[in-house]
Amino acid sequence: SGDITNTDNIKITGTHHGDLLQGLAGDTTILGYKGDDLISGPTSGQATLAGGGGLDEINIINTKVQNTINISAQNTTENRDVVIGYVGFNDISKADGSFDLIQIDQTTFPNYIAGATIQQKTVQQAGSEASLLNTIIVDKEANIKKQIFPNATKGLLAFATDTATLHFAPAGNFPANTQDLLTVDSKDFSAPDQILVV
């Protein structure tokens, strides 16, 4: 707990259990750590929010700035996050430059190189590509989940436009192994603009 009007930049880390974590009024970084957490960003200022282990609900409170949802090291359905208040790249309600980012890491997702510009392809477009390095599939969920990408053995991310869910196939084989990593409440998504690889 604390002064909800405090505008200092703060970092909050949860415990091994389910936590209720709330930002204040300044820039805030929150890591839920383990357990099923309920996380809320700051009332003003930017937020970097990471659920960590467990099934977490993340609420973005200040939608007029660019916030980041960090799913680094989260590559299974057991660590899924649900995000409320997420602003898509072309969302009509966004302020200038206020669309939100999804941060991933190269160690957990080796098909994606830190600092690289991400490519976006439909299932059909990706099927004819010799390489899917730094590529995210953006298509309907049914199309994604029935597709095998033999040239994506390092794993492939896919965003379902109808369910607003980010999926992961560790070996590029979605029918055999689809992990649901993140669901947001905006179907407005641009992989080159909204995926940040570190």
Protein backbone atom coordinates (compact mmCIF):
# COMPACT_ATOMS: atom_id res chain seq x y z
CA SER A 1 0.00 0.00 0.00
CA GLY A 2 1.06 3.63 -0.39
CA ASP A 3 0.10 7.14 -1.34
CA ILE A 4 -1.92 6.70 -4.54
CA THR A 5 -0.89 10.20 -5.67
CA ASN A 6 2.84 9.36 -5.43
CA THR A 7 4.43 10.13 -8.83
CA ASP A 8 7.81 8.49 -8.14
CA ASN A 9 8.97 5.78 -10.52
CA ILE A 10 8.48 2.49 -8.70
CA LYS A 11 9.07 -1.22 -9.14
CA ILE A 12 6.80 -3.80 -7.50
CA THR A 13 7.50 -7.53 -7.32
CA GLY A 14 4.97 -10.11 -6.17
CA THR A 15 5.45 -13.32 -4.21
CA HIS A 16 5.14 -17.08 -4.80
CA HIS A 17 1.41 -16.71 -4.10
CA GLY A 18 -1.50 -14.93 -5.78
CA ASP A 19 -1.03 -11.19 -5.23
CA LEU A 20 -3.01 -7.99 -5.71
CA LEU A 21 -0.52 -5.47 -7.13
CA GLN A 22 -1.41 -1.85 -7.89
CA GLY A 23 0.65 0.94 -9.46
CA LEU A 24 0.48 4.47 -8.07
CA ALA A 25 0.64 7.69 -10.13
CA GLY A 26 4.14 7.52 -11.64
CA ASP A 27 5.90 5.23 -14.10
CA THR A 28 5.59 1.72 -12.74
CA THR A 29 7.16 -1.68 -13.37
CA ILE A 30 5.25 -4.62 -11.89
CA LEU A 31 6.36 -8.27 -11.92
CA GLY A 32 3.75 -10.63 -10.54
CA TYR A 33 6.38 -13.36 -10.10
CA LYS A 34 4.52 -16.58 -9.24
CA GLY A 35 0.91 -17.37 -8.38
CA ASP A 36 -2.32 -16.18 -10.00
CA ASP A 37 -2.04 -12.41 -9.70
CA LEU A 38 -4.32 -9.42 -10.24
CA ILE A 39 -2.17 -6.55 -11.52
CA SER A 40 -3.24 -2.96 -12.16
CA GLY A 41 -1.02 -0.34 -13.75
CA PRO A 42 -0.58 3.23 -12.53
CA THR A 43 -3.28 5.89 -12.81
CA SER A 44 -0.85 8.06 -14.78
CA GLY A 45 2.63 7.46 -16.09
CA GLN A 46 3.76 4.50 -18.19
CA ALA A 47 3.64 0.88 -17.11
CA THR A 48 5.68 -2.23 -17.80
CA LEU A 49 3.59 -5.13 -16.52
CA ALA A 50 4.61 -8.78 -16.32
CA GLY A 51 2.44 -11.50 -14.87
CA GLY A 52 5.23 -14.04 -14.50
CA GLY A 53 4.25 -17.55 -13.47
CA GLY A 54 0.60 -18.48 -12.99
CA LEU A 55 -2.62 -17.28 -14.62
CA ASP A 56 -2.70 -13.51 -14.27
CA GLU A 57 -5.12 -10.69 -14.99
CA ILE A 58 -3.48 -7.41 -15.98
CA ASN A 59 -5.41 -4.15 -16.05
CA ILE A 60 -4.00 -1.16 -17.93
CA ILE A 61 -5.43 1.90 -16.22
CA ASN A 62 -3.76 4.77 -18.09
CA THR A 63 -4.52 4.14 -21.78
CA LYS A 64 -3.23 7.54 -22.97
CA VAL A 65 0.45 6.50 -22.86
CA GLN A 66 2.40 3.60 -24.33
CA ASN A 67 2.44 0.66 -21.93
CA THR A 68 4.34 -2.62 -22.24
CA ILE A 69 3.15 -6.13 -21.42
CA ASN A 70 6.24 -8.23 -20.77
CA ILE A 71 5.83 -11.96 -21.45
CA SER A 72 9.55 -12.76 -21.44
CA ALA A 73 10.15 -16.27 -20.04
CA GLN A 74 6.41 -17.09 -20.33
CA ASN A 75 5.98 -19.70 -23.04
CA THR A 76 3.24 -22.01 -21.73
CA THR A 77 -0.53 -21.84 -21.26
CA GLU A 78 0.04 -22.37 -17.52
CA ASN A 79 1.55 -18.86 -17.41
CA ARG A 80 -1.12 -17.15 -19.51
CA ASP A 81 -2.02 -13.50 -19.03
CA VAL A 82 -5.34 -11.78 -19.75
CA VAL A 83 -4.97 -8.05 -20.40
CA ILE A 84 -7.76 -5.49 -20.04
CA GLY A 85 -7.30 -1.97 -21.41
CA TYR A 86 -4.83 -2.95 -24.15
CA VAL A 87 -4.63 -0.35 -26.94
CA GLY A 88 -4.06 -1.64 -30.48
CA PHE A 89 -1.88 0.04 -33.09
CA ASN A 90 -4.80 1.57 -35.02
CA ASP A 91 -7.22 1.85 -32.11
CA ILE A 92 -9.42 4.90 -32.64
CA SER A 93 -9.27 5.75 -28.93
CA LYS A 94 -5.45 5.99 -28.75
CA ALA A 95 -3.63 9.23 -28.07
CA ASP A 96 -0.60 10.01 -30.27
CA GLY A 97 1.83 7.11 -29.98
CA SER A 98 -0.11 5.48 -27.16
CA PHE A 99 -0.58 2.02 -28.64
CA ASP A 100 0.75 -0.71 -26.35
CA LEU A 101 3.67 -3.12 -26.80
CA ILE A 102 4.22 -6.81 -26.11
CA GLN A 103 7.77 -7.57 -25.02
CA ILE A 104 9.37 -10.98 -25.63
CA ASP A 105 12.92 -12.21 -25.11
CA GLN A 106 15.27 -13.96 -27.50
CA THR A 107 16.22 -16.64 -24.95
CA THR A 108 12.66 -17.91 -24.50
CA PHE A 109 11.67 -17.34 -28.13
CA PRO A 110 14.84 -18.10 -30.15
CA ASN A 111 13.15 -17.53 -33.52
CA TYR A 112 13.11 -13.82 -32.66
CA ILE A 113 16.33 -11.79 -32.53
CA ALA A 114 16.72 -8.92 -30.06
CA GLY A 115 16.24 -5.57 -31.77
CA ALA A 116 14.94 -7.11 -35.01
CA THR A 117 11.97 -5.72 -36.91
CA ILE A 118 9.18 -8.27 -36.80
CA GLN A 119 7.49 -9.43 -40.00
CA GLN A 120 3.76 -10.16 -40.12
CA LYS A 121 2.34 -12.89 -42.39
CA THR A 122 -0.97 -14.70 -42.80
CA VAL A 123 -0.97 -18.50 -42.70
CA GLN A 124 -1.15 -18.60 -46.50
CA GLN A 125 1.70 -16.10 -46.94
CA ALA A 126 3.92 -17.91 -44.42
CA GLY A 127 3.45 -21.24 -46.16
CA SER A 128 5.48 -20.06 -49.14
CA GLU A 129 8.32 -18.50 -47.14
CA ALA A 130 11.73 -20.17 -47.05
CA SER A 131 12.38 -18.72 -43.60
CA LEU A 132 10.07 -17.51 -40.85
CA LEU A 133 12.82 -15.92 -38.76
CA ASN A 134 11.43 -12.89 -36.90
CA THR A 135 7.93 -13.60 -38.29
CA ILE A 136 4.61 -13.65 -36.47
CA ILE A 137 1.57 -15.22 -38.06
CA VAL A 138 -1.56 -13.04 -37.90
CA ASP A 139 -4.72 -14.86 -38.92
CA LYS A 140 -7.90 -16.45 -37.57
CA GLU A 141 -7.42 -18.93 -34.73
CA ALA A 142 -8.81 -21.92 -36.64
CA ASN A 143 -6.37 -21.29 -39.49
CA ILE A 144 -3.46 -21.04 -37.07
CA LYS A 145 -4.24 -24.12 -35.00
CA LYS A 146 -4.44 -26.48 -37.98
CA GLN A 147 -1.14 -25.40 -39.52
CA ILE A 148 2.31 -27.00 -39.34
CA PHE A 149 5.30 -24.82 -40.26
CA PRO A 150 8.26 -27.20 -40.81
CA ASN A 151 10.61 -24.25 -41.35
CA ALA A 152 9.94 -22.85 -37.86
CA THR A 153 11.65 -25.43 -35.67
CA LYS A 154 12.81 -22.75 -33.20
CA GLY A 155 9.20 -21.92 -32.40
CA LEU A 156 6.62 -19.60 -33.89
CA LEU A 157 4.29 -16.97 -32.45
CA ALA A 158 0.85 -16.33 -33.94
CA PHE A 159 -1.80 -13.74 -33.10
CA ALA A 160 -5.42 -14.79 -33.67
CA THR A 161 -7.39 -11.85 -35.01
CA ASP A 162 -10.78 -13.27 -33.96
CA THR A 163 -9.89 -14.13 -30.34
CA ALA A 164 -7.10 -11.55 -29.74
CA THR A 165 -4.89 -14.33 -28.38
CA LEU A 166 -1.14 -14.72 -28.86
CA HIS A 167 -0.23 -18.38 -29.41
CA PHE A 168 3.11 -20.18 -29.44
CA ALA A 169 4.12 -23.43 -31.14
CA PRO A 170 7.55 -24.44 -29.73
CA ALA A 171 8.45 -26.41 -32.88
CA GLY A 172 6.16 -24.67 -35.38
CA ASN A 173 3.54 -27.45 -35.17
CA PHE A 174 0.34 -25.80 -33.94
CA PRO A 175 -1.92 -28.90 -34.14
CA ALA A 176 0.48 -30.88 -31.94
CA ASN A 177 1.39 -28.18 -29.43
CA THR A 178 -0.26 -24.77 -29.16
CA GLN A 179 0.48 -22.73 -26.05
CA ASP A 180 -1.86 -19.79 -25.32
CA LEU A 181 0.34 -17.02 -23.91
CA LEU A 182 -1.71 -13.85 -23.84
CA THR A 183 -5.22 -12.61 -24.53
CA VAL A 184 -5.88 -8.90 -24.93
CA ASP A 185 -9.13 -6.99 -25.31
CA SER A 186 -8.22 -5.44 -28.67
CA LYS A 187 -8.21 -7.28 -31.99
CA ASP A 188 -6.35 -4.36 -33.56
CA PHE A 189 -2.80 -5.69 -33.82
CA SER A 190 0.32 -4.90 -35.86
CA ALA A 191 3.24 -7.24 -35.17
CA PRO A 192 5.97 -4.95 -36.63
CA ASP A 193 4.78 -2.08 -34.44
CA GLN A 194 3.69 -3.85 -31.26
CA ILE A 195 6.20 -6.67 -30.69
CA LEU A 196 9.44 -5.70 -28.94
CA VAL A 197 12.22 -8.30 -28.80
CA VAL A 198 14.93 -7.97 -26.13
